[in-house]
Amino acid sequence: MTQFAKGDHVQWNSEVGIVSGVITDVHEKDIEFKGRTRHCSSEDPQYEIRSDKTDHVAMHKGGALTKVE
């Protein structure tokens, strides 16, 4: 599984197509995000990402992300 770090530029597929952004935080413990509990661990972290175009903040597991060079 690919691990990402704070500051990495990544992209993911959303309902509006491919979106890119920068990882602003890495969560390794369960966290409440937008009214839902997101289950995270050091083996399976979730990444908080700010969209390049809209400043929208999303959270995804590493399997949904691809690093952008």
PDB file of N, CA and C in Angstrom:
ATOM      1  N   MET A   1       0.839  -1.181   0.000  1.00  0.00           N
ATOM      2  CA  MET A   1       0.000   0.000   0.000  1.00  0.00           C
ATOM      3  C   MET A   1       0.888   1.250   0.000  1.00  0.00           C
ATOM      4  N   THR A   2       0.540   2.219  -0.817  1.00  0.00           N
ATOM      5  CA  THR A   2       1.305   3.457  -0.906  1.00  0.00           C
ATOM      6  C   THR A   2       1.016   4.334   0.301  1.00  0.00           C
ATOM      7  N   GLN A   3       2.065   4.857   0.892  1.00  0.00           N
ATOM      8  CA  GLN A   3       1.928   5.807   1.992  1.00  0.00           C
ATOM      9  C   GLN A   3       2.207   7.199   1.457  1.00  0.00           C
ATOM     10  N   PHE A   4       1.464   8.162   1.923  1.00  0.00           N
ATOM     11  CA  PHE A   4       1.619   9.540   1.521  1.00  0.00           C
ATOM     12  C   PHE A   4       1.979  10.374   2.737  1.00  0.00           C
ATOM     13  N   ALA A   5       2.451  11.591   2.504  1.00  0.00           N
ATOM     14  CA  ALA A   5       2.858  12.474   3.594  1.00  0.00           C
ATOM     15  C   ALA A   5       2.220  13.843   3.416  1.00  0.00           C
ATOM     16  N   LYS A   6       2.148  14.571   4.507  1.00  0.00           N
ATOM     17  CA  LYS A   6       1.667  15.943   4.489  1.00  0.00           C
ATOM     18  C   LYS A   6       2.479  16.733   3.467  1.00  0.00           C
ATOM     19  N   GLY A   7       1.793  17.475   2.611  1.00  0.00           N
ATOM     20  CA  GLY A   7       2.456  18.259   1.573  1.00  0.00           C
ATOM     21  C   GLY A   7       2.502  17.581   0.216  1.00  0.00           C
ATOM     22  N   ASP A   8       2.215  16.262   0.160  1.00  0.00           N
ATOM     23  CA  ASP A   8       2.203  15.566  -1.125  1.00  0.00           C
ATOM     24  C   ASP A   8       1.046  16.075  -1.992  1.00  0.00           C
ATOM     25  N   HIS A   9       1.289  16.185  -3.295  1.00  0.00           N
ATOM     26  CA  HIS A   9       0.267  16.569  -4.266  1.00  0.00           C
ATOM     27  C   HIS A   9      -0.311  15.275  -4.833  1.00  0.00           C
ATOM     28  N   VAL A  10      -1.624  15.081  -4.691  1.00  0.00           N
ATOM     29  CA  VAL A  10      -2.273  13.839  -5.091  1.00  0.00           C
ATOM     30  C   VAL A  10      -3.504  14.126  -5.934  1.00  0.00           C
ATOM     31  N   GLN A  11      -4.019  13.074  -6.569  1.00  0.00           N
ATOM     32  CA  GLN A  11      -5.287  13.184  -7.290  1.00  0.00           C
ATOM     33  C   GLN A  11      -6.151  11.986  -6.956  1.00  0.00           C
ATOM     34  N   TRP A  12      -7.471  12.136  -7.153  1.00  0.00           N
ATOM     35  CA  TRP A  12      -8.414  11.064  -6.893  1.00  0.00           C
ATOM     36  C   TRP A  12      -9.613  11.241  -7.807  1.00  0.00           C
ATOM     37  N   ASN A  13     -10.374  10.194  -7.974  1.00  0.00           N
ATOM     38  CA  ASN A  13     -11.557  10.212  -8.823  1.00  0.00           C
ATOM     39  C   ASN A  13     -12.768  10.534  -7.961  1.00  0.00           C
ATOM     40  N   SER A  14     -13.489  11.578  -8.318  1.00  0.00           N
ATOM     41  CA  SER A  14     -14.704  11.943  -7.588  1.00  0.00           C
ATOM     42  C   SER A  14     -15.891  11.893  -8.541  1.00  0.00           C
ATOM     43  N   GLU A  15     -17.067  12.220  -8.019  1.00  0.00           N
ATOM     44  CA  GLU A  15     -18.262  12.185  -8.859  1.00  0.00           C
ATOM     45  C   GLU A  15     -18.216  13.237  -9.970  1.00  0.00           C
ATOM     46  N   VAL A  16     -17.320  14.229  -9.848  1.00  0.00           N
ATOM     47  CA  VAL A  16     -17.188  15.253 -10.893  1.00  0.00           C
ATOM     48  C   VAL A  16     -15.973  15.016 -11.786  1.00  0.00           C
ATOM     49  N   GLY A  17     -15.283  13.906 -11.593  1.00  0.00           N
ATOM     50  CA  GLY A  17     -14.107  13.585 -12.388  1.00  0.00           C
ATOM     51  C   GLY A  17     -12.851  13.580 -11.541  1.00  0.00           C
ATOM     52  N   ILE A  18     -11.702  13.692 -12.181  1.00  0.00           N
ATOM     53  CA  ILE A  18     -10.418  13.669 -11.481  1.00  0.00           C
ATOM     54  C   ILE A  18     -10.201  15.002 -10.770  1.00  0.00           C
ATOM     55  N   VAL A  19      -9.878  14.938  -9.479  1.00  0.00           N
ATOM     56  CA  VAL A  19      -9.635  16.119  -8.658  1.00  0.00           C
ATOM     57  C   VAL A  19      -8.228  15.994  -8.092  1.00  0.00           C
ATOM     58  N   SER A  20      -7.543  17.125  -7.974  1.00  0.00           N
ATOM     59  CA  SER A  20      -6.212  17.095  -7.378  1.00  0.00           C
ATOM     60  C   SER A  20      -6.146  18.071  -6.216  1.00  0.00           C
ATOM     61  N   GLY A  21      -5.198  17.805  -5.315  1.00  0.00           N
ATOM     62  CA  GLY A  21      -5.034  18.669  -4.157  1.00  0.00           C
ATOM     63  C   GLY A  21      -3.794  18.295  -3.381  1.00  0.00           C
ATOM     64  N   VAL A  22      -3.606  18.975  -2.253  1.00  0.00           N
ATOM     65  CA  VAL A  22      -2.437  18.770  -1.404  1.00  0.00           C
ATOM     66  C   VAL A  22      -2.881  18.198  -0.068  1.00  0.00           C
ATOM     67  N   ILE A  23      -2.167  17.182   0.392  1.00  0.00           N
ATOM     68  CA  ILE A  23      -2.461  16.578   1.692  1.00  0.00           C
ATOM     69  C   ILE A  23      -2.102  17.574   2.785  1.00  0.00           C
ATOM     70  N   THR A  24      -3.085  17.888   3.633  1.00  0.00           N
ATOM     71  CA  THR A  24      -2.871  18.840   4.713  1.00  0.00           C
ATOM     72  C   THR A  24      -2.716  18.163   6.065  1.00  0.00           C
ATOM     73  N   ASP A  25      -3.161  16.896   6.161  1.00  0.00           N
ATOM     74  CA  ASP A  25      -3.033  16.174   7.430  1.00  0.00           C
ATOM     75  C   ASP A  25      -3.142  14.677   7.172  1.00  0.00           C
ATOM     76  N   VAL A  26      -2.477  13.910   8.016  1.00  0.00           N
ATOM     77  CA  VAL A  26      -2.531  12.444   7.966  1.00  0.00           C
ATOM     78  C   VAL A  26      -3.121  11.983   9.288  1.00  0.00           C
ATOM     79  N   HIS A  27      -4.210  11.202   9.224  1.00  0.00           N
ATOM     80  CA  HIS A  27      -4.895  10.748  10.434  1.00  0.00           C
ATOM     81  C   HIS A  27      -4.640   9.256  10.651  1.00  0.00           C
ATOM     82  N   GLU A  28      -4.133   8.929  11.832  1.00  0.00           N
ATOM     83  CA  GLU A  28      -3.833   7.537  12.178  1.00  0.00           C
ATOM     84  C   GLU A  28      -4.686   7.033  13.335  1.00  0.00           C
ATOM     85  N   LYS A  29      -5.620   7.860  13.792  1.00  0.00           N
ATOM     86  CA  LYS A  29      -6.585   7.474  14.830  1.00  0.00           C
ATOM     87  C   LYS A  29      -7.957   7.904  14.344  1.00  0.00           C
ATOM     88  N   ASP A  30      -8.992   7.177  14.787  1.00  0.00           N
ATOM     89  CA  ASP A  30     -10.355   7.499  14.376  1.00  0.00           C
ATOM     90  C   ASP A  30     -10.633   8.979  14.610  1.00  0.00           C
ATOM     91  N   ILE A  31     -11.367   9.580  13.666  1.00  0.00           N
ATOM     92  CA  ILE A  31     -11.658  11.010  13.734  1.00  0.00           C
ATOM     93  C   ILE A  31     -13.055  11.273  13.190  1.00  0.00           C
ATOM     94  N   GLU A  32     -13.724  12.268  13.757  1.00  0.00           N
ATOM     95  CA  GLU A  32     -15.016  12.714  13.235  1.00  0.00           C
ATOM     96  C   GLU A  32     -14.734  13.714  12.118  1.00  0.00           C
ATOM     97  N   PHE A  33     -15.305  13.479  10.943  1.00  0.00           N
ATOM     98  CA  PHE A  33     -15.087  14.346   9.790  1.00  0.00           C
ATOM     99  C   PHE A  33     -16.416  14.528   9.077  1.00  0.00           C
ATOM    100  N   LYS A  34     -16.886  15.753   9.032  1.00  0.00           N
ATOM    101  CA  LYS A  34     -18.150  16.096   8.377  1.00  0.00           C
ATOM    102  C   LYS A  34     -19.303  15.229   8.888  1.00  0.00           C
ATOM    103  N   GLY A  35     -19.343  15.064  10.210  1.00  0.00           N
ATOM    104  CA  GLY A  35     -20.451  14.359  10.849  1.00  0.00           C
ATOM    105  C   GLY A  35     -20.369  12.847  10.847  1.00  0.00           C
ATOM    106  N   ARG A  36     -19.277  12.283  10.340  1.00  0.00           N
ATOM    107  CA  ARG A  36     -19.126  10.823  10.310  1.00  0.00           C
ATOM    108  C   ARG A  36     -17.801  10.433  10.936  1.00  0.00           C
ATOM    109  N   THR A  37     -17.769   9.274  11.579  1.00  0.00           N
ATOM    110  CA  THR A  37     -16.524   8.769  12.134  1.00  0.00           C
ATOM    111  C   THR A  37     -15.741   8.087  11.030  1.00  0.00           C
ATOM    112  N   ARG A  38     -14.505   8.525  10.827  1.00  0.00           N
ATOM    113  CA  ARG A  38     -13.607   7.905   9.848  1.00  0.00           C
ATOM    114  C   ARG A  38     -12.645   7.018  10.626  1.00  0.00           C
ATOM    115  N   HIS A  39     -12.579   5.748  10.257  1.00  0.00           N
ATOM    116  CA  HIS A  39     -11.726   4.789  10.945  1.00  0.00           C
ATOM    117  C   HIS A  39     -10.335   4.807  10.330  1.00  0.00           C
ATOM    118  N   CYS A  40      -9.345   5.114  11.156  1.00  0.00           N
ATOM    119  CA  CYS A  40      -7.968   5.277  10.700  1.00  0.00           C
ATOM    120  C   CYS A  40      -7.039   4.521  11.653  1.00  0.00           C
ATOM    121  N   SER A  41      -5.894   4.125  11.137  1.00  0.00           N
ATOM    122  CA  SER A  41      -4.856   3.504  11.961  1.00  0.00           C
ATOM    123  C   SER A  41      -3.508   3.803  11.317  1.00  0.00           C
ATOM    124  N   SER A  42      -2.437   3.489  12.016  1.00  0.00           N
ATOM    125  CA  SER A  42      -1.115   3.726  11.426  1.00  0.00           C
ATOM    126  C   SER A  42      -0.894   2.823  10.214  1.00  0.00           C
ATOM    127  N   GLU A  43      -1.534   1.647  10.190  1.00  0.00           N
ATOM    128  CA  GLU A  43      -1.424   0.740   9.048  1.00  0.00           C
ATOM    129  C   GLU A  43      -2.349   1.138   7.904  1.00  0.00           C
ATOM    130  N   ASP A  44      -3.433   1.860   8.218  1.00  0.00           N
ATOM    131  CA  ASP A  44      -4.423   2.257   7.222  1.00  0.00           C
ATOM    132  C   ASP A  44      -4.881   3.694   7.493  1.00  0.00           C
ATOM    133  N   PRO A  45      -3.986   4.667   7.289  1.00  0.00           N
ATOM    134  CA  PRO A  45      -4.340   6.059   7.584  1.00  0.00           C
ATOM    135  C   PRO A  45      -5.320   6.636   6.562  1.00  0.00           C
ATOM    136  N   GLN A  46      -5.919   7.744   6.939  1.00  0.00           N
ATOM    137  CA  GLN A  46      -6.724   8.509   5.991  1.00  0.00           C
ATOM    138  C   GLN A  46      -6.080   9.877   5.857  1.00  0.00           C
ATOM    139  N   TYR A  47      -6.222  10.435   4.669  1.00  0.00           N
ATOM    140  CA  TYR A  47      -5.529  11.661   4.316  1.00  0.00           C
ATOM    141  C   TYR A  47      -6.522  12.790   4.096  1.00  0.00           C
ATOM    142  N   GLU A  48      -6.301  13.914   4.782  1.00  0.00           N
ATOM    143  CA  GLU A  48      -7.113  15.107   4.603  1.00  0.00           C
ATOM    144  C   GLU A  48      -6.467  15.929   3.488  1.00  0.00           C
ATOM    145  N   ILE A  49      -7.269  16.284   2.485  1.00  0.00           N
ATOM    146  CA  ILE A  49      -6.724  16.900   1.270  1.00  0.00           C
ATOM    147  C   ILE A  49      -7.525  18.150   0.917  1.00  0.00           C
ATOM    148  N   ARG A  50      -6.822  19.235   0.598  1.00  0.00           N
ATOM    149  CA  ARG A  50      -7.460  20.465   0.144  1.00  0.00           C
ATOM    150  C   ARG A  50      -7.369  20.521  -1.381  1.00  0.00           C
ATOM    151  N   SER A  51      -8.510  20.634  -2.034  1.00  0.00           N
ATOM    152  CA  SER A  51      -8.587  20.686  -3.497  1.00  0.00           C
ATOM    153  C   SER A  51      -7.842  21.901  -4.039  1.00  0.00           C
ATOM    154  N   ASP A  52      -7.136  21.698  -5.149  1.00  0.00           N
ATOM    155  CA  ASP A  52      -6.415  22.793  -5.799  1.00  0.00           C
ATOM    156  C   ASP A  52      -7.355  23.884  -6.311  1.00  0.00           C
ATOM    157  N   LYS A  53      -8.498  23.502  -6.842  1.00  0.00           N
ATOM    158  CA  LYS A  53      -9.372  24.465  -7.519  1.00  0.00           C
ATOM    159  C   LYS A  53     -10.395  25.119  -6.616  1.00  0.00           C
ATOM    160  N   THR A  54     -10.950  24.363  -5.652  1.00  0.00           N
ATOM    161  CA  THR A  54     -12.089  24.892  -4.893  1.00  0.00           C
ATOM    162  C   THR A  54     -11.803  25.107  -3.414  1.00  0.00           C
ATOM    163  N   ASP A  55     -10.666  24.682  -2.914  1.00  0.00           N
ATOM    164  CA  ASP A  55     -10.353  24.712  -1.479  1.00  0.00           C
ATOM    165  C   ASP A  55     -11.258  23.784  -0.666  1.00  0.00           C
ATOM    166  N   HIS A  56     -12.073  22.956  -1.343  1.00  0.00           N
ATOM    167  CA  HIS A  56     -12.881  21.941  -0.664  1.00  0.00           C
ATOM    168  C   HIS A  56     -11.941  20.976   0.053  1.00  0.00           C
ATOM    169  N   VAL A  57     -12.317  20.538   1.247  1.00  0.00           N
ATOM    170  CA  VAL A  57     -11.497  19.583   1.994  1.00  0.00           C
ATOM    171  C   VAL A  57     -12.164  18.219   1.934  1.00  0.00           C
ATOM    172  N   ALA A  58     -11.403  17.210   1.541  1.00  0.00           N
ATOM    173  CA  ALA A  58     -11.889  15.842   1.447  1.00  0.00           C
ATOM    174  C   ALA A  58     -10.988  14.942   2.287  1.00  0.00           C
ATOM    175  N   MET A  59     -11.468  13.741   2.582  1.00  0.00           N
ATOM    176  CA  MET A  59     -10.651  12.760   3.291  1.00  0.00           C
ATOM    177  C   MET A  59     -10.772  11.431   2.553  1.00  0.00           C
ATOM    178  N   HIS A  60      -9.607  10.815   2.276  1.00  0.00           N
ATOM    179  CA  HIS A  60      -9.583   9.555   1.541  1.00  0.00           C
ATOM    180  C   HIS A  60      -8.532   8.618   2.113  1.00  0.00           C
ATOM    181  N   LYS A  61      -8.755   7.326   1.887  1.00  0.00           N
ATOM    182  CA  LYS A  61      -7.723   6.330   2.186  1.00  0.00           C
ATOM    183  C   LYS A  61      -6.706   6.346   1.055  1.00  0.00           C
ATOM    184  N   GLY A  62      -5.532   5.830   1.339  1.00  0.00           N
ATOM    185  CA  GLY A  62      -4.444   5.838   0.370  1.00  0.00           C
ATOM    186  C   GLY A  62      -4.764   5.116  -0.922  1.00  0.00           C
ATOM    187  N   GLY A  63      -5.600   4.079  -0.868  1.00  0.00           N
ATOM    188  CA  GLY A  63      -5.945   3.317  -2.067  1.00  0.00           C
ATOM    189  C   GLY A  63      -6.695   4.125  -3.112  1.00  0.00           C
ATOM    190  N   ALA A  64      -7.297   5.241  -2.703  1.00  0.00           N
ATOM    191  CA  ALA A  64      -8.056   6.077  -3.633  1.00  0.00           C
ATOM    192  C   ALA A  64      -7.189   7.169  -4.257  1.00  0.00           C
ATOM    193  N   LEU A  65      -5.943   7.292  -3.788  1.00  0.00           N
ATOM    194  CA  LEU A  65      -5.090   8.402  -4.204  1.00  0.00           C
ATOM    195  C   LEU A  65      -3.960   7.966  -5.129  1.00  0.00           C
ATOM    196  N   THR A  66      -3.543   8.884  -5.975  1.00  0.00           N
ATOM    197  CA  THR A  66      -2.371   8.713  -6.832  1.00  0.00           C
ATOM    198  C   THR A  66      -1.521   9.958  -6.675  1.00  0.00           C
ATOM    199  N   LYS A  67      -0.222   9.761  -6.476  1.00  0.00           N
ATOM    200  CA  LYS A  67       0.674  10.905  -6.319  1.00  0.00           C
ATOM    201  C   LYS A  67       0.867  11.598  -7.663  1.00  0.00           C
ATOM    202  N   VAL A  68       0.827  12.938  -7.656  1.00  0.00           N
ATOM    203  CA  VAL A  68       1.039  13.751  -8.842  1.00  0.00           C
ATOM    204  C   VAL A  68       2.444  14.333  -8.751  1.00  0.00           C
ATOM    205  N   GLU A  69       3.206  14.175  -9.813  1.00  0.00           N
ATOM    206  CA  GLU A  69       4.583  14.697  -9.807  1.00  0.00           C
ATOM    207  C   GLU A  69       4.618  16.159 -10.135  1.00  0.00           C
TER     208      GLU A  69
END
